[in-house]
Amino acid sequence: MKIKKIISGIMAVLIVFGAMPVFSVNPVQDYAVTASAADDDYTEGTYESMTYRKYGDHI
């Protein structure tokens, strides 16, 4: 009977601390992506709702 009380106490502590949020770790970080291309000759095209520019060696 005593072992059941110990196990239930340990489980209660684990549930309480498991439900607390961790503030020291931010899993979501802000990232910015910047892309640029030289003002070369290009061909503009569309695919469904996307518009793209095709250069000599890349899109």
PDB file of N, CA and C in Angstrom:
ATOM      1  N   MET A   1       0.817  -1.184   0.000  1.00  0.00           N
ATOM      2  CA  MET A   1       0.000   0.000   0.000  1.00  0.00           C
ATOM      3  C   MET A   1       0.868   1.258   0.000  1.00  0.00           C
ATOM      4  N   LYS A   2       2.005   1.195   0.714  1.00  0.00           N
ATOM      5  CA  LYS A   2       2.886   2.355   0.783  1.00  0.00           C
ATOM      6  C   LYS A   2       3.544   2.632  -0.565  1.00  0.00           C
ATOM      7  N   ILE A   3       3.858   1.583  -1.320  1.00  0.00           N
ATOM      8  CA  ILE A   3       4.502   1.756  -2.630  1.00  0.00           C
ATOM      9  C   ILE A   3       3.552   2.457  -3.605  1.00  0.00           C
ATOM     10  N   LYS A   4       2.237   2.206  -3.486  1.00  0.00           N
ATOM     11  CA  LYS A   4       1.264   2.865  -4.357  1.00  0.00           C
ATOM     12  C   LYS A   4       1.210   4.366  -4.078  1.00  0.00           C
ATOM     13  N   LYS A   5       1.341   4.768  -2.826  1.00  0.00           N
ATOM     14  CA  LYS A   5       1.341   6.185  -2.470  1.00  0.00           C
ATOM     15  C   LYS A   5       2.604   6.873  -2.988  1.00  0.00           C
ATOM     16  N   ILE A   6       3.718   6.193  -2.907  1.00  0.00           N
ATOM     17  CA  ILE A   6       4.977   6.757  -3.402  1.00  0.00           C
ATOM     18  C   ILE A   6       4.915   6.929  -4.917  1.00  0.00           C
ATOM     19  N   ILE A   7       4.453   5.907  -5.617  1.00  0.00           N
ATOM     20  CA  ILE A   7       4.349   5.968  -7.079  1.00  0.00           C
ATOM     21  C   ILE A   7       3.359   7.045  -7.508  1.00  0.00           C
ATOM     22  N   SER A   8       2.225   7.151  -6.825  1.00  0.00           N
ATOM     23  CA  SER A   8       1.240   8.171  -7.182  1.00  0.00           C
ATOM     24  C   SER A   8       1.784   9.572  -6.895  1.00  0.00           C
ATOM     25  N   GLY A   9       2.577   9.738  -5.847  1.00  0.00           N
ATOM     26  CA  GLY A   9       3.203  11.027  -5.562  1.00  0.00           C
ATOM     27  C   GLY A   9       4.211  11.416  -6.631  1.00  0.00           C
ATOM     28  N   ILE A  10       5.015  10.443  -7.037  1.00  0.00           N
ATOM     29  CA  ILE A  10       5.996  10.696  -8.098  1.00  0.00           C
ATOM     30  C   ILE A  10       5.283  11.046  -9.406  1.00  0.00           C
ATOM     31  N   MET A  11       4.229  10.329  -9.734  1.00  0.00           N
ATOM     32  CA  MET A  11       3.469  10.602 -10.956  1.00  0.00           C
ATOM     33  C   MET A  11       2.834  11.989 -10.915  1.00  0.00           C
ATOM     34  N   ALA A  12       2.323  12.403  -9.752  1.00  0.00           N
ATOM     35  CA  ALA A  12       1.722  13.727  -9.623  1.00  0.00           C
ATOM     36  C   ALA A  12       2.764  14.820  -9.860  1.00  0.00           C
ATOM     37  N   VAL A  13       3.955  14.645  -9.303  1.00  0.00           N
ATOM     38  CA  VAL A  13       5.025  15.624  -9.507  1.00  0.00           C
ATOM     39  C   VAL A  13       5.432  15.678 -10.973  1.00  0.00           C
ATOM     40  N   LEU A  14       5.541  14.541 -11.622  1.00  0.00           N
ATOM     41  CA  LEU A  14       5.908  14.508 -13.034  1.00  0.00           C
ATOM     42  C   LEU A  14       4.855  15.180 -13.913  1.00  0.00           C
ATOM     43  N   ILE A  15       3.599  14.979 -13.593  1.00  0.00           N
ATOM     44  CA  ILE A  15       2.525  15.606 -14.365  1.00  0.00           C
ATOM     45  C   ILE A  15       2.561  17.124 -14.196  1.00  0.00           C
ATOM     46  N   VAL A  16       2.751  17.589 -12.971  1.00  0.00           N
ATOM     47  CA  VAL A  16       2.778  19.035 -12.724  1.00  0.00           C
ATOM     48  C   VAL A  16       3.953  19.683 -13.448  1.00  0.00           C
ATOM     49  N   PHE A  17       5.153  19.124 -13.322  1.00  0.00           N
ATOM     50  CA  PHE A  17       6.318  19.716 -13.969  1.00  0.00           C
ATOM     51  C   PHE A  17       6.332  19.460 -15.471  1.00  0.00           C
ATOM     52  N   GLY A  18       5.695  18.417 -15.930  1.00  0.00           N
ATOM     53  CA  GLY A  18       5.606  18.158 -17.366  1.00  0.00           C
ATOM     54  C   GLY A  18       4.667  19.112 -18.070  1.00  0.00           C
ATOM     55  N   ALA A  19       3.685  19.665 -17.352  1.00  0.00           N
ATOM     56  CA  ALA A  19       2.732  20.587 -17.943  1.00  0.00           C
ATOM     57  C   ALA A  19       3.227  22.018 -17.948  1.00  0.00           C
ATOM     58  N   MET A  20       4.314  22.310 -17.248  1.00  0.00           N
ATOM     59  CA  MET A  20       4.835  23.673 -17.186  1.00  0.00           C
ATOM     60  C   MET A  20       5.611  23.986 -18.463  1.00  0.00           C
ATOM     61  N   PRO A  21       5.403  25.172 -19.033  1.00  0.00           N
ATOM     62  CA  PRO A  21       6.153  25.530 -20.239  1.00  0.00           C
ATOM     63  C   PRO A  21       7.605  25.852 -19.913  1.00  0.00           C
ATOM     64  N   VAL A  22       8.457  25.638 -20.871  1.00  0.00           N
ATOM     65  CA  VAL A  22       9.874  25.935 -20.721  1.00  0.00           C
ATOM     66  C   VAL A  22      10.118  27.292 -21.375  1.00  0.00           C
ATOM     67  N   PHE A  23      10.489  28.298 -20.597  1.00  0.00           N
ATOM     68  CA  PHE A  23      10.663  29.640 -21.111  1.00  0.00           C
ATOM     69  C   PHE A  23      12.077  29.914 -21.604  1.00  0.00           C
ATOM     70  N   SER A  24      13.025  29.116 -21.218  1.00  0.00           N
ATOM     71  CA  SER A  24      14.407  29.393 -21.596  1.00  0.00           C
ATOM     72  C   SER A  24      14.716  28.960 -23.025  1.00  0.00           C
ATOM     73  N   VAL A  25      13.901  28.118 -23.609  1.00  0.00           N
ATOM     74  CA  VAL A  25      14.143  27.619 -24.959  1.00  0.00           C
ATOM     75  C   VAL A  25      13.034  28.127 -25.865  1.00  0.00           C
ATOM     76  N   ASN A  26      13.404  28.781 -26.959  1.00  0.00           N
ATOM     77  CA  ASN A  26      12.444  29.265 -27.936  1.00  0.00           C
ATOM     78  C   ASN A  26      12.569  28.396 -29.186  1.00  0.00           C
ATOM     79  N   PRO A  27      11.665  27.421 -29.382  1.00  0.00           N
ATOM     80  CA  PRO A  27      11.801  26.529 -30.524  1.00  0.00           C
ATOM     81  C   PRO A  27      11.495  27.204 -31.857  1.00  0.00           C
ATOM     82  N   VAL A  28      10.768  28.315 -31.837  1.00  0.00           N
ATOM     83  CA  VAL A  28      10.424  29.022 -33.064  1.00  0.00           C
ATOM     84  C   VAL A  28      11.258  30.293 -33.139  1.00  0.00           C
ATOM     85  N   GLN A  29      12.086  30.389 -34.151  1.00  0.00           N
ATOM     86  CA  GLN A  29      12.921  31.565 -34.320  1.00  0.00           C
ATOM     87  C   GLN A  29      12.534  32.257 -35.621  1.00  0.00           C
ATOM     88  N   ASP A  30      12.741  33.548 -35.668  1.00  0.00           N
ATOM     89  CA  ASP A  30      12.432  34.312 -36.868  1.00  0.00           C
ATOM     90  C   ASP A  30      13.623  34.255 -37.818  1.00  0.00           C
ATOM     91  N   TYR A  31      13.353  33.865 -39.036  1.00  0.00           N
ATOM     92  CA  TYR A  31      14.380  33.822 -40.057  1.00  0.00           C
ATOM     93  C   TYR A  31      13.923  34.669 -41.235  1.00  0.00           C
ATOM     94  N   ALA A  32      14.830  35.371 -41.833  1.00  0.00           N
ATOM     95  CA  ALA A  32      14.540  36.165 -43.011  1.00  0.00           C
ATOM     96  C   ALA A  32      15.339  35.599 -44.174  1.00  0.00           C
ATOM     97  N   VAL A  33      14.687  35.461 -45.300  1.00  0.00           N
ATOM     98  CA  VAL A  33      15.338  34.970 -46.503  1.00  0.00           C
ATOM     99  C   VAL A  33      15.310  36.093 -47.528  1.00  0.00           C
ATOM    100  N   THR A  34      16.460  36.447 -48.035  1.00  0.00           N
ATOM    101  CA  THR A  34      16.565  37.491 -49.036  1.00  0.00           C
ATOM    102  C   THR A  34      17.225  36.908 -50.268  1.00  0.00           C
ATOM    103  N   ALA A  35      16.607  37.143 -51.400  1.00  0.00           N
ATOM    104  CA  ALA A  35      17.158  36.649 -52.656  1.00  0.00           C
ATOM    105  C   ALA A  35      17.216  37.815 -53.635  1.00  0.00           C
ATOM    106  N   SER A  36      18.250  37.839 -54.417  1.00  0.00           N
ATOM    107  CA  SER A  36      18.363  38.884 -55.424  1.00  0.00           C
ATOM    108  C   SER A  36      19.017  38.298 -56.663  1.00  0.00           C
ATOM    109  N   ALA A  37      18.809  38.983 -57.770  1.00  0.00           N
ATOM    110  CA  ALA A  37      19.399  38.549 -59.024  1.00  0.00           C
ATOM    111  C   ALA A  37      19.927  39.770 -59.756  1.00  0.00           C
ATOM    112  N   ALA A  38      20.926  39.547 -60.549  1.00  0.00           N
ATOM    113  CA  ALA A  38      21.478  40.642 -61.330  1.00  0.00           C
ATOM    114  C   ALA A  38      20.470  41.053 -62.404  1.00  0.00           C
ATOM    115  N   ASP A  39      20.605  42.266 -62.896  1.00  0.00           N
ATOM    116  CA  ASP A  39      19.686  42.752 -63.919  1.00  0.00           C
ATOM    117  C   ASP A  39      20.109  42.244 -65.292  1.00  0.00           C
ATOM    118  N   ASP A  40      20.112  40.939 -65.468  1.00  0.00           N
ATOM    119  CA  ASP A  40      20.457  40.320 -66.745  1.00  0.00           C
ATOM    120  C   ASP A  40      19.195  40.149 -67.573  1.00  0.00           C
ATOM    121  N   ASP A  41      19.386  39.663 -68.770  1.00  0.00           N
ATOM    122  CA  ASP A  41      18.233  39.346 -69.610  1.00  0.00           C
ATOM    123  C   ASP A  41      17.546  38.116 -69.059  1.00  0.00           C
ATOM    124  N   TYR A  42      16.236  38.131 -69.039  1.00  0.00           N
ATOM    125  CA  TYR A  42      15.475  37.010 -68.511  1.00  0.00           C
ATOM    126  C   TYR A  42      14.179  36.856 -69.297  1.00  0.00           C
ATOM    127  N   THR A  43      13.596  35.686 -69.157  1.00  0.00           N
ATOM    128  CA  THR A  43      12.294  35.391 -69.727  1.00  0.00           C
ATOM    129  C   THR A  43      11.338  35.188 -68.571  1.00  0.00           C
ATOM    130  N   GLU A  44      10.221  35.896 -68.590  1.00  0.00           N
ATOM    131  CA  GLU A  44       9.253  35.778 -67.509  1.00  0.00           C
ATOM    132  C   GLU A  44       8.198  34.748 -67.888  1.00  0.00           C
ATOM    133  N   GLY A  45       7.839  33.909 -66.935  1.00  0.00           N
ATOM    134  CA  GLY A  45       6.832  32.883 -67.166  1.00  0.00           C
ATOM    135  C   GLY A  45       5.918  32.760 -65.970  1.00  0.00           C
ATOM    136  N   THR A  46       4.857  32.006 -66.158  1.00  0.00           N
ATOM    137  CA  THR A  46       3.914  31.749 -65.066  1.00  0.00           C
ATOM    138  C   THR A  46       3.608  30.274 -65.003  1.00  0.00           C
ATOM    139  N   TYR A  47       3.385  29.810 -63.796  1.00  0.00           N
ATOM    140  CA  TYR A  47       2.959  28.444 -63.556  1.00  0.00           C
ATOM    141  C   TYR A  47       1.868  28.502 -62.507  1.00  0.00           C
ATOM    142  N   GLU A  48       0.653  28.154 -62.888  1.00  0.00           N
ATOM    143  CA  GLU A  48      -0.534  28.288 -62.046  1.00  0.00           C
ATOM    144  C   GLU A  48      -0.609  29.717 -61.524  1.00  0.00           C
ATOM    145  N   SER A  49      -0.446  29.984 -60.242  1.00  0.00           N
ATOM    146  CA  SER A  49      -0.535  31.350 -59.726  1.00  0.00           C
ATOM    147  C   SER A  49       0.834  31.940 -59.421  1.00  0.00           C
ATOM    148  N   MET A  50       1.900  31.278 -59.860  1.00  0.00           N
ATOM    149  CA  MET A  50       3.254  31.728 -59.562  1.00  0.00           C
ATOM    150  C   MET A  50       3.882  32.347 -60.808  1.00  0.00           C
ATOM    151  N   THR A  51       4.523  33.483 -60.642  1.00  0.00           N
ATOM    152  CA  THR A  51       5.262  34.125 -61.723  1.00  0.00           C
ATOM    153  C   THR A  51       6.750  33.957 -61.440  1.00  0.00           C
ATOM    154  N   TYR A  52       7.515  33.591 -62.468  1.00  0.00           N
ATOM    155  CA  TYR A  52       8.943  33.369 -62.283  1.00  0.00           C
ATOM    156  C   TYR A  52       9.719  34.018 -63.423  1.00  0.00           C
ATOM    157  N   ARG A  53      11.029  34.198 -63.175  1.00  0.00           N
ATOM    158  CA  ARG A  53      11.938  34.734 -64.181  1.00  0.00           C
ATOM    159  C   ARG A  53      12.996  33.696 -64.479  1.00  0.00           C
ATOM    160  N   LYS A  54      13.181  33.378 -65.746  1.00  0.00           N
ATOM    161  CA  LYS A  54      14.156  32.374 -66.158  1.00  0.00           C
ATOM    162  C   LYS A  54      15.366  33.087 -66.749  1.00  0.00           C
ATOM    163  N   TYR A  55      16.494  32.946 -66.083  1.00  0.00           N
ATOM    164  CA  TYR A  55      17.748  33.519 -66.544  1.00  0.00           C
ATOM    165  C   TYR A  55      18.485  32.454 -67.327  1.00  0.00           C
ATOM    166  N   GLY A  56      19.682  32.730 -67.748  1.00  0.00           N
ATOM    167  CA  GLY A  56      20.446  31.793 -68.539  1.00  0.00           C
ATOM    168  C   GLY A  56      20.710  30.472 -67.834  1.00  0.00           C
ATOM    169  N   ASP A  57      21.041  30.507 -66.549  1.00  0.00           N
ATOM    170  CA  ASP A  57      21.422  29.278 -65.850  1.00  0.00           C
ATOM    171  C   ASP A  57      20.592  28.980 -64.605  1.00  0.00           C
ATOM    172  N   HIS A  58      19.578  29.776 -64.311  1.00  0.00           N
ATOM    173  CA  HIS A  58      18.758  29.505 -63.131  1.00  0.00           C
ATOM    174  C   HIS A  58      17.400  30.199 -63.266  1.00  0.00           C
ATOM    175  N   ILE A  59      16.485  29.815 -62.395  1.00  0.00           N
ATOM    176  CA  ILE A  59      15.151  30.422 -62.360  1.00  0.00           C
ATOM    177  C   ILE A  59      14.989  31.136 -61.053  1.00  0.00           C
TER     178      ILE A  59
END
